[in-house]
Amino acid sequence: MVAEFKSHTLSRDEKGFAGVPFKRLMLAGVGGGLTYTLGKFVVPDWAVLLAVGVGLLLIILTTTRGGIPRWQRMLYQVRGGLMLASLQRPESVRGKFARFLELPTHLVKLEGSALFAPPQNPNTGDWAEWVTFARVADVDREDSLTFMEAR
């Protein structure tokens, strides 16, 4: 018996509103409500507008692309820019700030010979047990691609 897997099997879409999952809507609602509560003490006239703005900002910043939320992408972009600035222009304000934060600059330098080096032992994999089919319906037939042991 062979199971047919789909590419989106591991990710489950939750119900929400207008394409926004319920967890993100809850986060925006709780964040907006907390902002409203605290904003009533600080700026009572602007508390509602501030709460709506924070709620919308939370929805926007938690949008994922490639599995990474937008706020985290922005953080990585700022961190990478600071790391590059510390190498390219070390005496600039950004370069000095990166050194102050002690960001690791060795991560920016890529060694091509190490990055694109072939594997040390290419014969480590055993493909003898693999059977490949173009379609699931071909399982019952003997027209499959099989990998044989090297002689």
Protein backbone atom coordinates (compact mmCIF):
# COMPACT_ATOMS: atom_id res chain seq x y z
CA MET A 1 0.00 0.00 0.00
CA VAL A 2 1.36 3.40 -0.98
CA ALA A 3 0.22 6.73 0.47
CA GLU A 4 0.09 9.79 -1.73
CA PHE A 5 1.41 12.88 0.02
CA LYS A 6 0.53 16.41 -0.91
CA SER A 7 2.95 19.29 -0.53
CA HIS A 8 0.80 21.14 2.00
CA THR A 9 0.15 18.20 4.31
CA LEU A 10 2.33 19.53 7.11
CA SER A 11 0.81 23.00 7.24
CA ARG A 12 -2.73 23.36 8.43
CA ASP A 13 -4.68 26.52 7.72
CA GLU A 14 -6.85 27.64 10.58
CA LYS A 15 -10.11 29.44 10.18
CA GLY A 16 -10.11 33.14 10.67
CA PHE A 17 -11.42 36.23 8.94
CA ALA A 18 -10.31 37.74 5.62
CA GLY A 19 -7.36 35.37 5.31
CA VAL A 20 -6.00 36.14 8.77
CA PRO A 21 -5.76 33.09 11.09
CA PHE A 22 -7.62 33.19 14.38
CA LYS A 23 -4.41 33.17 16.49
CA ARG A 24 -3.23 36.38 14.86
CA LEU A 25 -6.66 37.98 15.27
CA MET A 26 -6.61 37.07 18.96
CA LEU A 27 -3.11 38.52 19.36
CA ALA A 28 -4.20 41.76 17.66
CA GLY A 29 -7.34 41.96 19.81
CA VAL A 30 -5.52 41.35 23.07
CA GLY A 31 -2.70 43.72 22.10
CA GLY A 32 -5.18 46.41 21.07
CA GLY A 33 -7.22 45.93 24.26
CA LEU A 34 -4.14 46.19 26.45
CA THR A 35 -3.03 49.29 24.55
CA TYR A 36 -6.48 50.81 25.04
CA THR A 37 -6.41 50.09 28.77
CA LEU A 38 -2.97 51.60 29.27
CA GLY A 39 -3.64 54.40 26.78
CA LYS A 40 -6.68 55.53 28.79
CA PHE A 41 -4.29 56.52 31.58
CA VAL A 42 -1.70 58.26 29.42
CA VAL A 43 -3.62 59.79 26.48
CA PRO A 44 -7.36 59.34 27.12
CA ASP A 45 -8.46 61.20 23.97
CA TRP A 46 -6.32 59.08 21.65
CA ALA A 47 -6.72 55.68 23.35
CA VAL A 48 -9.18 54.20 20.81
CA LEU A 49 -7.16 55.32 17.80
CA LEU A 50 -3.95 54.07 19.41
CA ALA A 51 -5.52 50.68 20.19
CA VAL A 52 -6.80 50.23 16.62
CA GLY A 53 -3.38 51.22 15.27
CA VAL A 54 -1.56 48.73 17.50
CA GLY A 55 -4.04 45.99 16.55
CA LEU A 56 -3.50 46.61 12.84
CA LEU A 57 0.24 46.82 13.33
CA LEU A 58 0.22 43.44 15.11
CA ILE A 59 -1.73 41.86 12.24
CA ILE A 60 0.71 43.29 9.69
CA LEU A 61 3.89 42.43 11.60
CA THR A 62 2.86 38.81 12.25
CA THR A 63 2.24 38.06 8.57
CA THR A 64 4.43 35.13 7.58
CA ARG A 65 6.36 34.73 4.35
CA GLY A 66 8.32 31.55 3.96
CA GLY A 67 7.44 30.62 7.54
CA ILE A 68 9.14 33.66 9.04
CA PRO A 69 7.04 36.50 10.50
CA ARG A 70 7.52 39.98 9.08
CA TRP A 71 8.85 41.43 12.35
CA GLN A 72 11.55 38.77 12.45
CA ARG A 73 12.50 39.40 8.80
CA MET A 74 12.85 43.09 9.58
CA LEU A 75 15.01 42.27 12.60
CA TYR A 76 17.25 40.02 10.50
CA GLN A 77 17.51 42.75 7.85
CA VAL A 78 18.62 45.35 10.41
CA ARG A 79 21.06 42.90 12.02
CA GLY A 80 22.54 41.92 8.66
CA GLY A 81 22.88 45.56 7.63
CA LEU A 82 24.71 46.35 10.86
CA MET A 83 27.03 43.38 10.40
CA LEU A 84 27.84 44.44 6.84
CA ALA A 85 28.39 48.04 7.94
CA SER A 86 30.86 46.91 10.60
CA LEU A 87 32.96 45.27 7.88
CA GLN A 88 32.54 47.71 5.00
CA ARG A 89 32.61 51.03 6.89
CA PRO A 90 33.85 50.32 10.41
CA GLU A 91 34.20 54.01 11.35
CA SER A 92 30.61 54.94 10.46
CA VAL A 93 27.91 55.29 13.11
CA ARG A 94 26.34 51.98 12.09
CA GLY A 95 29.73 50.26 12.15
CA LYS A 96 30.49 51.57 15.62
CA PHE A 97 27.01 50.56 16.82
CA ALA A 98 27.53 47.03 15.46
CA ARG A 99 30.83 46.77 17.31
CA PHE A 100 29.11 48.08 20.45
CA LEU A 101 26.52 45.30 20.14
CA GLU A 102 29.35 42.80 19.52
CA LEU A 103 27.68 41.34 16.43
CA PRO A 104 29.62 38.41 14.97
CA THR A 105 31.22 39.63 11.74
CA HIS A 106 32.69 36.23 10.85
CA LEU A 107 29.19 35.16 9.76
CA VAL A 108 29.23 37.73 6.95
CA LYS A 109 32.41 36.46 5.31
CA LEU A 110 31.68 33.46 3.10
CA GLU A 111 34.51 31.22 1.99
CA GLY A 112 33.58 29.90 -1.46
CA SER A 113 35.92 26.91 -1.37
CA ALA A 114 34.35 25.72 1.88
CA LEU A 115 30.79 26.59 0.91
CA PHE A 116 30.82 24.82 -2.46
CA ALA A 117 33.16 21.96 -1.52
CA PRO A 118 32.06 18.48 -2.59
CA PRO A 119 31.13 16.04 0.16
CA GLN A 120 34.09 14.22 1.74
CA ASN A 121 32.67 10.72 1.26
CA PRO A 122 30.06 10.69 -1.54
CA ASN A 123 29.33 6.94 -1.20
CA THR A 124 27.72 7.16 2.22
CA GLY A 125 24.13 6.82 1.02
CA ASP A 126 22.57 3.44 0.29
CA TRP A 127 20.02 3.81 -2.47
CA ALA A 128 19.46 0.07 -2.93
CA GLU A 129 16.21 0.03 -0.97
CA TRP A 130 14.55 2.92 -2.82
CA VAL A 131 11.80 2.35 -5.38
CA THR A 132 10.48 5.32 -7.32
CA PHE A 133 7.23 5.60 -9.27
CA ALA A 134 6.06 8.33 -11.61
CA ARG A 135 2.46 7.86 -10.44
CA VAL A 136 0.88 6.04 -7.51
CA ALA A 137 -1.10 3.90 -9.95
CA ASP A 138 2.19 2.37 -11.18
CA VAL A 139 2.75 0.55 -7.87
CA ASP A 140 1.04 -2.64 -9.04
CA ARG A 141 3.11 -2.78 -12.24
CA GLU A 142 6.77 -3.60 -12.48
CA ASP A 143 7.61 -0.38 -14.41
CA SER A 144 9.40 1.33 -11.57
CA LEU A 145 12.78 2.96 -11.25
CA THR A 146 14.87 0.97 -8.77
CA PHE A 147 18.38 1.61 -7.56
CA MET A 148 20.64 -1.43 -7.61
CA GLU A 149 23.76 -2.04 -5.52
CA ALA A 150 27.08 -1.25 -7.18
CA ARG A 151 29.10 -4.30 -8.23
